Amino acid sequence: RGFFEAKDSHPEAAHEALARIRRLYAIESEVKGLNLQQRLALLREPGDAEQAQRLADITDYAERLQTCFDRAKRLQEVEAAWERARQDPATPLERRLACWDEKERLTLVVEQLSLTLVRLQLRRFFSAPKLESFQSWLEEHYPTADLPKSALGKAMAYALKNWQALNRYASNGALDIDNNLSERAIRPVAIGRNNWIFLGSDKGGRTAEVHLTLVATCKGLGIEP
C-alpha cells in the first residue's frame, strides 16, 4: 500500500517496486491455474543444479514429495476400484460408498499435497531469486530516498524491517503470499464491532473470541460449524 501511495511523489521508484511485487504475484497465479495432473508432472521435473540446491535447503522436502507420489499412485488404484464397483450392479451399496469415500479422501489429500509442493517448488525456483533482487534494490535505493518520512521512504523502511517475515512464504508452500484470507475472516468483526461493543463481561468477550475463531477456521476448511 505504501508504494501505491508513493506513485505521485516518487513515480519512478514506486512503479519499479510495484512491478517487482506484481511479478511475485504472477508466479502465484500460475500455480492456481494448474490442475492436478499438471502439478504432478511439474513435480517430476528435476530442474537444474541451482534449483535442486534451493529445494535441498527445505527440511523434509524429499520425504513429502515421495509421500505425494505414493498417495497419487494409491489414488489411481482407488479410482479404478471405484469404477469397477460403480459399473458392477452386484457390488453392495456399502462397498460402493466405501470406494467413493476413499476416493474423495485421497483426492483431497493429493490435491493439497501437490498444491503445497508445487507452490514451494516454484517459489524456490523463481520467487526466491526475485526476492533477493528486490532486497538488493531496496537496500540500494533506501539511503537515497529524499524524505525518510515520505510514503516511499516509509514503504521501503517497512519492507526492510519486516523482510524475514515477508520472505517466509517462499520457504513454505502452505502459506499464502499475503494475509488476505485472515483479513477477510476478520472483516465481519471489524464491520460489526460497533454493534458488539458491550459483551456483558470480560468472560463474554473471551467466549465470543473463541466462537468467532472456531467459525472462521471451519469456514476456511470447508466444514459446517
C-alpha atoms as a PDB file:
ATOM      1  CA  ARG A   1       0.000   0.000   0.000  1.00  0.00           C
ATOM      2  CA  GLY A   2       2.856   2.350   0.797  1.00  0.00           C
ATOM      3  CA  PHE A   3       4.280   2.002  -2.716  1.00  0.00           C
ATOM      4  CA  PHE A   4       0.862   2.785  -4.199  1.00  0.00           C
ATOM      5  CA  GLU A   5       0.676   5.931  -2.084  1.00  0.00           C
ATOM      6  CA  ALA A   6       4.134   6.957  -3.292  1.00  0.00           C
ATOM      7  CA  LYS A   7       3.274   6.817  -7.008  1.00  0.00           C
ATOM      8  CA  ASP A   8       2.561  10.549  -7.222  1.00  0.00           C
ATOM      9  CA  SER A   9       5.548  11.830  -5.249  1.00  0.00           C
ATOM     10  CA  HIS A  10       8.114   9.233  -6.446  1.00  0.00           C
ATOM     11  CA  PRO A  11       6.641   7.713  -9.611  1.00  0.00           C
ATOM     12  CA  GLU A  12       9.779   6.020 -10.989  1.00  0.00           C
ATOM     13  CA  ALA A  13      10.849   4.220  -7.802  1.00  0.00           C
ATOM     14  CA  ALA A  14       7.271   3.360  -6.776  1.00  0.00           C
ATOM     15  CA  HIS A  15       6.450   1.878 -10.175  1.00  0.00           C
ATOM     16  CA  GLU A  16       9.667  -0.171 -10.109  1.00  0.00           C
ATOM     17  CA  ALA A  17       8.800  -1.594  -6.683  1.00  0.00           C
ATOM     18  CA  LEU A  18       5.219  -2.350  -7.722  1.00  0.00           C
ATOM     19  CA  ALA A  19       6.426  -4.081 -10.896  1.00  0.00           C
ATOM     20  CA  ARG A  20       8.668  -6.342  -8.817  1.00  0.00           C
ATOM     21  CA  ILE A  21       5.799  -7.175  -6.462  1.00  0.00           C
ATOM     22  CA  ARG A  22       3.445  -7.922  -9.384  1.00  0.00           C
ATOM     23  CA  ARG A  23       5.989 -10.397 -10.791  1.00  0.00           C
ATOM     24  CA  LEU A  24       5.874 -12.282  -7.491  1.00  0.00           C
ATOM     25  CA  TYR A  25       2.074 -12.426  -7.642  1.00  0.00           C
ATOM     26  CA  ALA A  26       2.228 -13.609 -11.264  1.00  0.00           C
ATOM     27  CA  ILE A  27       4.096 -16.727 -10.122  1.00  0.00           C
ATOM     28  CA  GLU A  28       1.330 -17.453  -7.598  1.00  0.00           C
ATOM     29  CA  SER A  29      -1.304 -17.082 -10.332  1.00  0.00           C
ATOM     30  CA  GLU A  30       0.475 -19.647 -12.488  1.00  0.00           C
ATOM     31  CA  VAL A  31       0.208 -22.232  -9.720  1.00  0.00           C
ATOM     32  CA  LYS A  32      -3.527 -21.638  -9.265  1.00  0.00           C
ATOM     33  CA  GLY A  33      -4.105 -22.335 -12.957  1.00  0.00           C
ATOM     34  CA  LEU A  34      -2.598 -25.841 -12.845  1.00  0.00           C
ATOM     35  CA  ASN A  35      -4.775 -28.928 -12.497  1.00  0.00           C
ATOM     36  CA  LEU A  36      -3.725 -31.995 -10.510  1.00  0.00           C
ATOM     37  CA  GLN A  37      -2.049 -33.827 -13.404  1.00  0.00           C
ATOM     38  CA  GLN A  38      -0.111 -30.728 -14.420  1.00  0.00           C
ATOM     39  CA  ARG A  39       1.091 -30.241 -10.854  1.00  0.00           C
ATOM     40  CA  LEU A  40       2.250 -33.862 -10.578  1.00  0.00           C
ATOM     41  CA  ALA A  41       4.047 -33.605 -13.936  1.00  0.00           C
ATOM     42  CA  LEU A  42       5.788 -30.426 -12.784  1.00  0.00           C
ATOM     43  CA  LEU A  43       6.890 -32.081  -9.545  1.00  0.00           C
ATOM     44  CA  ARG A  44       8.536 -34.885 -11.528  1.00  0.00           C
ATOM     45  CA  GLU A  45      10.760 -32.447 -13.424  1.00  0.00           C
ATOM     46  CA  PRO A  46      14.196 -32.480 -11.778  1.00  0.00           C
ATOM     47  CA  GLY A  47      15.231 -28.895 -12.516  1.00  0.00           C
ATOM     48  CA  ASP A  48      18.825 -27.721 -12.794  1.00  0.00           C
ATOM     49  CA  ALA A  49      21.547 -27.904 -10.154  1.00  0.00           C
ATOM     50  CA  GLU A  50      20.819 -24.474  -8.676  1.00  0.00           C
ATOM     51  CA  GLN A  51      17.110 -25.218  -8.391  1.00  0.00           C
ATOM     52  CA  ALA A  52      17.839 -28.607  -6.807  1.00  0.00           C
ATOM     53  CA  GLN A  53      20.042 -26.893  -4.227  1.00  0.00           C
ATOM     54  CA  ARG A  54      17.301 -24.406  -3.361  1.00  0.00           C
ATOM     55  CA  LEU A  55      14.937 -27.316  -2.676  1.00  0.00           C
ATOM     56  CA  ALA A  56      17.592 -29.242  -0.747  1.00  0.00           C
ATOM     57  CA  ASP A  57      17.594 -26.433   1.808  1.00  0.00           C
ATOM     58  CA  ILE A  58      13.961 -27.210   2.662  1.00  0.00           C
ATOM     59  CA  THR A  59      13.566 -29.631   5.557  1.00  0.00           C
ATOM     60  CA  ASP A  60      11.920 -32.979   4.644  1.00  0.00           C
ATOM     61  CA  TYR A  61      11.028 -31.796   1.114  1.00  0.00           C
ATOM     62  CA  ALA A  62      12.134 -35.110  -0.431  1.00  0.00           C
ATOM     63  CA  GLU A  63      10.025 -37.096   2.048  1.00  0.00           C
ATOM     64  CA  ARG A  64       6.931 -35.011   1.374  1.00  0.00           C
ATOM     65  CA  LEU A  65       7.489 -35.308  -2.374  1.00  0.00           C
ATOM     66  CA  GLN A  66       7.680 -39.096  -2.149  1.00  0.00           C
ATOM     67  CA  THR A  67       4.564 -39.144   0.024  1.00  0.00           C
ATOM     68  CA  CYS A  68       2.729 -37.132  -2.622  1.00  0.00           C
ATOM     69  CA  PHE A  69       3.728 -39.583  -5.384  1.00  0.00           C
ATOM     70  CA  ASP A  70       2.754 -42.579  -3.221  1.00  0.00           C
ATOM     71  CA  ARG A  71      -0.647 -41.048  -2.496  1.00  0.00           C
ATOM     72  CA  ALA A  72      -1.138 -40.234  -6.181  1.00  0.00           C
ATOM     73  CA  LYS A  73      -0.372 -43.853  -7.133  1.00  0.00           C
ATOM     74  CA  ARG A  74      -2.781 -45.096  -4.494  1.00  0.00           C
ATOM     75  CA  LEU A  75      -5.408 -42.673  -5.784  1.00  0.00           C
ATOM     76  CA  GLN A  76      -5.195 -44.232  -9.254  1.00  0.00           C
ATOM     77  CA  GLU A  77      -5.814 -47.670  -7.732  1.00  0.00           C
ATOM     78  CA  VAL A  78      -8.751 -46.389  -5.690  1.00  0.00           C
ATOM     79  CA  GLU A  79     -10.270 -44.650  -8.731  1.00  0.00           C
ATOM     80  CA  ALA A  80     -10.055 -47.910 -10.673  1.00  0.00           C
ATOM     81  CA  ALA A  81     -11.705 -49.777  -7.794  1.00  0.00           C
ATOM     82  CA  TRP A  82     -14.469 -47.168  -7.685  1.00  0.00           C
ATOM     83  CA  GLU A  83     -15.130 -47.522 -11.413  1.00  0.00           C
ATOM     84  CA  ARG A  84     -15.399 -51.294 -11.084  1.00  0.00           C
ATOM     85  CA  ALA A  85     -17.735 -51.004  -8.114  1.00  0.00           C
ATOM     86  CA  ARG A  86     -19.839 -48.344  -9.860  1.00  0.00           C
ATOM     87  CA  GLN A  87     -20.297 -50.359 -13.035  1.00  0.00           C
ATOM     88  CA  ASP A  88     -20.955 -53.726 -11.361  1.00  0.00           C
ATOM     89  CA  PRO A  89     -24.602 -53.913 -10.261  1.00  0.00           C
ATOM     90  CA  ALA A  90     -23.748 -56.839  -7.972  1.00  0.00           C
ATOM     91  CA  THR A  91     -21.499 -54.659  -5.803  1.00  0.00           C
ATOM     92  CA  PRO A  92     -23.174 -53.976  -2.437  1.00  0.00           C
ATOM     93  CA  LEU A  93     -24.115 -50.400  -1.703  1.00  0.00           C
ATOM     94  CA  GLU A  94     -21.818 -50.323   1.338  1.00  0.00           C
ATOM     95  CA  ARG A  95     -18.855 -51.285  -0.849  1.00  0.00           C
ATOM     96  CA  ARG A  96     -19.685 -48.563  -3.383  1.00  0.00           C
ATOM     97  CA  LEU A  97     -19.928 -45.954  -0.662  1.00  0.00           C
ATOM     98  CA  ALA A  98     -16.636 -47.093   0.872  1.00  0.00           C
ATOM     99  CA  CYS A  99     -14.877 -46.816  -2.500  1.00  0.00           C
ATOM    100  CA  TRP A 100     -16.364 -43.380  -3.074  1.00  0.00           C
ATOM    101  CA  ASP A 101     -15.361 -42.136   0.380  1.00  0.00           C
ATOM    102  CA  GLU A 102     -11.790 -43.352  -0.029  1.00  0.00           C
ATOM    103  CA  LYS A 103     -11.534 -41.809  -3.499  1.00  0.00           C
ATOM    104  CA  GLU A 104     -12.765 -38.433  -2.268  1.00  0.00           C
ATOM    105  CA  ARG A 105     -10.482 -38.514   0.772  1.00  0.00           C
ATOM    106  CA  LEU A 106      -7.382 -39.388  -1.246  1.00  0.00           C
ATOM    107  CA  THR A 107      -8.231 -36.833  -3.930  1.00  0.00           C
ATOM    108  CA  LEU A 108      -8.323 -34.102  -1.304  1.00  0.00           C
ATOM    109  CA  VAL A 109      -5.031 -35.272   0.219  1.00  0.00           C
ATOM    110  CA  VAL A 110      -3.225 -35.389  -3.147  1.00  0.00           C
ATOM    111  CA  GLU A 111      -4.698 -32.031  -4.205  1.00  0.00           C
ATOM    112  CA  GLN A 112      -3.448 -30.365  -1.031  1.00  0.00           C
ATOM    113  CA  LEU A 113      -0.037 -32.061  -1.073  1.00  0.00           C
ATOM    114  CA  SER A 114       0.633 -31.349  -4.736  1.00  0.00           C
ATOM    115  CA  LEU A 115      -0.500 -27.721  -4.457  1.00  0.00           C
ATOM    116  CA  THR A 116       1.731 -27.143  -1.434  1.00  0.00           C
ATOM    117  CA  LEU A 117       4.761 -28.757  -3.069  1.00  0.00           C
ATOM    118  CA  VAL A 118       4.334 -27.063  -6.453  1.00  0.00           C
ATOM    119  CA  ARG A 119       3.952 -23.690  -4.785  1.00  0.00           C
ATOM    120  CA  LEU A 120       7.086 -24.390  -2.777  1.00  0.00           C
ATOM    121  CA  GLN A 121       8.984 -25.545  -5.862  1.00  0.00           C
ATOM    122  CA  LEU A 122       8.083 -22.537  -7.988  1.00  0.00           C
ATOM    123  CA  ARG A 123       8.712 -20.152  -5.122  1.00  0.00           C
ATOM    124  CA  ARG A 124      12.192 -21.579  -4.566  1.00  0.00           C
ATOM    125  CA  PHE A 125      12.932 -21.646  -8.304  1.00  0.00           C
ATOM    126  CA  PHE A 126      11.539 -18.246  -9.314  1.00  0.00           C
ATOM    127  CA  SER A 127      10.248 -16.185  -6.376  1.00  0.00           C
ATOM    128  CA  ALA A 128      13.348 -16.516  -4.172  1.00  0.00           C
ATOM    129  CA  PRO A 129      15.744 -15.014  -6.760  1.00  0.00           C
ATOM    130  CA  LYS A 130      13.293 -12.175  -7.395  1.00  0.00           C
ATOM    131  CA  LEU A 131      13.010 -11.533  -3.654  1.00  0.00           C
ATOM    132  CA  GLU A 132      16.790 -11.427  -3.350  1.00  0.00           C
ATOM    133  CA  SER A 133      16.955  -8.943  -6.236  1.00  0.00           C
ATOM    134  CA  PHE A 134      14.177  -6.859  -4.655  1.00  0.00           C
ATOM    135  CA  GLN A 135      16.032  -6.746  -1.335  1.00  0.00           C
ATOM    136  CA  SER A 136      19.195  -5.544  -3.072  1.00  0.00           C
ATOM    137  CA  TRP A 137      17.170  -2.890  -4.883  1.00  0.00           C
ATOM    138  CA  LEU A 138      15.609  -1.695  -1.617  1.00  0.00           C
ATOM    139  CA  GLU A 139      18.961  -1.561   0.166  1.00  0.00           C
ATOM    140  CA  GLU A 140      20.451   0.385  -2.741  1.00  0.00           C
ATOM    141  CA  HIS A 141      17.673   2.942  -3.067  1.00  0.00           C
ATOM    142  CA  TYR A 142      16.540   3.424   0.528  1.00  0.00           C
ATOM    143  CA  PRO A 143      19.537   5.575   1.556  1.00  0.00           C
ATOM    144  CA  THR A 144      18.852   7.844  -1.436  1.00  0.00           C
ATOM    145  CA  ALA A 145      15.165   8.376  -0.554  1.00  0.00           C
ATOM    146  CA  ASP A 146      14.890  12.163  -0.294  1.00  0.00           C
ATOM    147  CA  LEU A 147      12.456  12.032   2.606  1.00  0.00           C
ATOM    148  CA  PRO A 148      12.599   9.057   5.021  1.00  0.00           C
ATOM    149  CA  LYS A 149       9.172  10.068   6.301  1.00  0.00           C
ATOM    150  CA  SER A 150       7.669  10.214   2.825  1.00  0.00           C
ATOM    151  CA  ALA A 151       5.320   7.490   1.596  1.00  0.00           C
ATOM    152  CA  LEU A 152       8.150   5.900  -0.402  1.00  0.00           C
ATOM    153  CA  GLY A 153      10.607   6.069   2.492  1.00  0.00           C
ATOM    154  CA  LYS A 154       8.102   4.539   4.897  1.00  0.00           C
ATOM    155  CA  ALA A 155       7.263   1.739   2.450  1.00  0.00           C
ATOM    156  CA  MET A 156      10.933   0.903   1.935  1.00  0.00           C
ATOM    157  CA  ALA A 157      11.669   1.027   5.659  1.00  0.00           C
ATOM    158  CA  TYR A 158       8.696  -1.218   6.437  1.00  0.00           C
ATOM    159  CA  ALA A 159       9.746  -3.770   3.794  1.00  0.00           C
ATOM    160  CA  LEU A 160      13.344  -3.907   5.024  1.00  0.00           C
ATOM    161  CA  LYS A 161      12.371  -4.047   8.689  1.00  0.00           C
ATOM    162  CA  ASN A 162       9.982  -6.958   8.073  1.00  0.00           C
ATOM    163  CA  TRP A 163      11.997  -8.649   5.341  1.00  0.00           C
ATOM    164  CA  GLN A 164      12.289 -12.005   7.106  1.00  0.00           C
ATOM    165  CA  ALA A 165       8.536 -12.206   7.686  1.00  0.00           C
ATOM    166  CA  LEU A 166       7.789 -11.066   4.126  1.00  0.00           C
ATOM    167  CA  ASN A 167      10.043 -13.851   2.783  1.00  0.00           C
ATOM    168  CA  ARG A 168       8.702 -16.670   4.931  1.00  0.00           C
ATOM    169  CA  TYR A 169       6.089 -17.733   2.370  1.00  0.00           C
ATOM    170  CA  ALA A 170       8.883 -18.587  -0.110  1.00  0.00           C
ATOM    171  CA  SER A 171      10.029 -21.427   2.175  1.00  0.00           C
ATOM    172  CA  ASN A 172       6.580 -22.815   2.973  1.00  0.00           C
ATOM    173  CA  GLY A 173       4.175 -23.870   0.249  1.00  0.00           C
ATOM    174  CA  ALA A 174       1.268 -23.983   2.705  1.00  0.00           C
ATOM    175  CA  LEU A 175       1.439 -20.222   3.292  1.00  0.00           C
ATOM    176  CA  ASP A 176      -0.233 -17.661   1.054  1.00  0.00           C
ATOM    177  CA  ILE A 177       1.769 -14.798  -0.359  1.00  0.00           C
ATOM    178  CA  ASP A 178      -0.384 -12.320   1.581  1.00  0.00           C
ATOM    179  CA  ASN A 179      -2.751 -12.207   4.545  1.00  0.00           C
ATOM    180  CA  ASN A 180      -5.912 -11.582   2.524  1.00  0.00           C
ATOM    181  CA  LEU A 181      -7.527 -14.723   3.942  1.00  0.00           C
ATOM    182  CA  SER A 182      -7.201 -13.523   7.537  1.00  0.00           C
ATOM    183  CA  GLU A 183      -8.267 -10.016   6.520  1.00  0.00           C
ATOM    184  CA  ARG A 184     -11.456 -11.423   5.008  1.00  0.00           C
ATOM    185  CA  ALA A 185     -12.023 -13.559   8.100  1.00  0.00           C
ATOM    186  CA  ILE A 186     -11.933 -10.577  10.481  1.00  0.00           C
ATOM    187  CA  ARG A 187     -13.844  -8.246   8.188  1.00  0.00           C
ATOM    188  CA  PRO A 188     -17.297  -9.146   9.619  1.00  0.00           C
ATOM    189  CA  VAL A 189     -15.951  -8.459  13.113  1.00  0.00           C
ATOM    190  CA  ALA A 190     -14.445  -5.134  12.072  1.00  0.00           C
ATOM    191  CA  ILE A 191     -17.666  -4.060  10.360  1.00  0.00           C
ATOM    192  CA  GLY A 192     -19.914  -5.129  13.232  1.00  0.00           C
ATOM    193  CA  ARG A 193     -17.753  -4.095  16.177  1.00  0.00           C
ATOM    194  CA  ASN A 194     -19.835  -1.009  16.919  1.00  0.00           C
ATOM    195  CA  ASN A 195     -22.831  -3.303  17.406  1.00  0.00           C
ATOM    196  CA  TRP A 196     -20.833  -5.566  19.726  1.00  0.00           C
ATOM    197  CA  ILE A 197     -19.206  -3.011  21.996  1.00  0.00           C
ATOM    198  CA  PHE A 198     -20.945  -4.353  25.089  1.00  0.00           C
ATOM    199  CA  LEU A 199     -20.373  -8.074  25.614  1.00  0.00           C
ATOM    200  CA  GLY A 200     -21.565  -8.100  29.209  1.00  0.00           C
ATOM    201  CA  SER A 201     -18.195  -9.010  30.758  1.00  0.00           C
ATOM    202  CA  ASP A 202     -14.586  -9.884  30.003  1.00  0.00           C
ATOM    203  CA  LYS A 203     -15.598 -13.533  30.039  1.00  0.00           C
ATOM    204  CA  GLY A 204     -18.223 -12.821  27.375  1.00  0.00           C
ATOM    205  CA  GLY A 205     -15.551 -11.202  25.219  1.00  0.00           C
ATOM    206  CA  ARG A 206     -13.288 -14.243  25.510  1.00  0.00           C
ATOM    207  CA  THR A 207     -16.205 -16.544  24.719  1.00  0.00           C
ATOM    208  CA  ALA A 208     -17.028 -14.509  21.609  1.00  0.00           C
ATOM    209  CA  GLU A 209     -13.372 -14.671  20.592  1.00  0.00           C
ATOM    210  CA  VAL A 210     -13.332 -18.471  20.831  1.00  0.00           C
ATOM    211  CA  HIS A 211     -16.605 -18.874  18.937  1.00  0.00           C
ATOM    212  CA  LEU A 212     -15.647 -16.481  16.145  1.00  0.00           C
ATOM    213  CA  THR A 213     -12.248 -18.150  15.763  1.00  0.00           C
ATOM    214  CA  LEU A 214     -13.871 -21.585  15.591  1.00  0.00           C
ATOM    215  CA  VAL A 215     -16.385 -20.465  12.967  1.00  0.00           C
ATOM    216  CA  ALA A 216     -13.707 -18.767  10.836  1.00  0.00           C
ATOM    217  CA  THR A 217     -11.494 -21.877  10.997  1.00  0.00           C
ATOM    218  CA  CYS A 218     -14.359 -24.149   9.965  1.00  0.00           C
ATOM    219  CA  LYS A 219     -15.245 -21.867   7.062  1.00  0.00           C
ATOM    220  CA  GLY A 220     -11.634 -21.866   5.927  1.00  0.00           C
ATOM    221  CA  LEU A 221     -11.553 -25.683   5.969  1.00  0.00           C
ATOM    222  CA  GLY A 222     -14.936 -26.078   4.320  1.00  0.00           C
ATOM    223  CA  ILE A 223     -16.512 -27.591   7.434  1.00  0.00           C
ATOM    224  CA  GLU A 224     -20.067 -26.820   8.540  1.00  0.00           C
ATOM    225  CA  PRO A 225     -19.594 -25.434  12.078  1.00  0.00           C
END
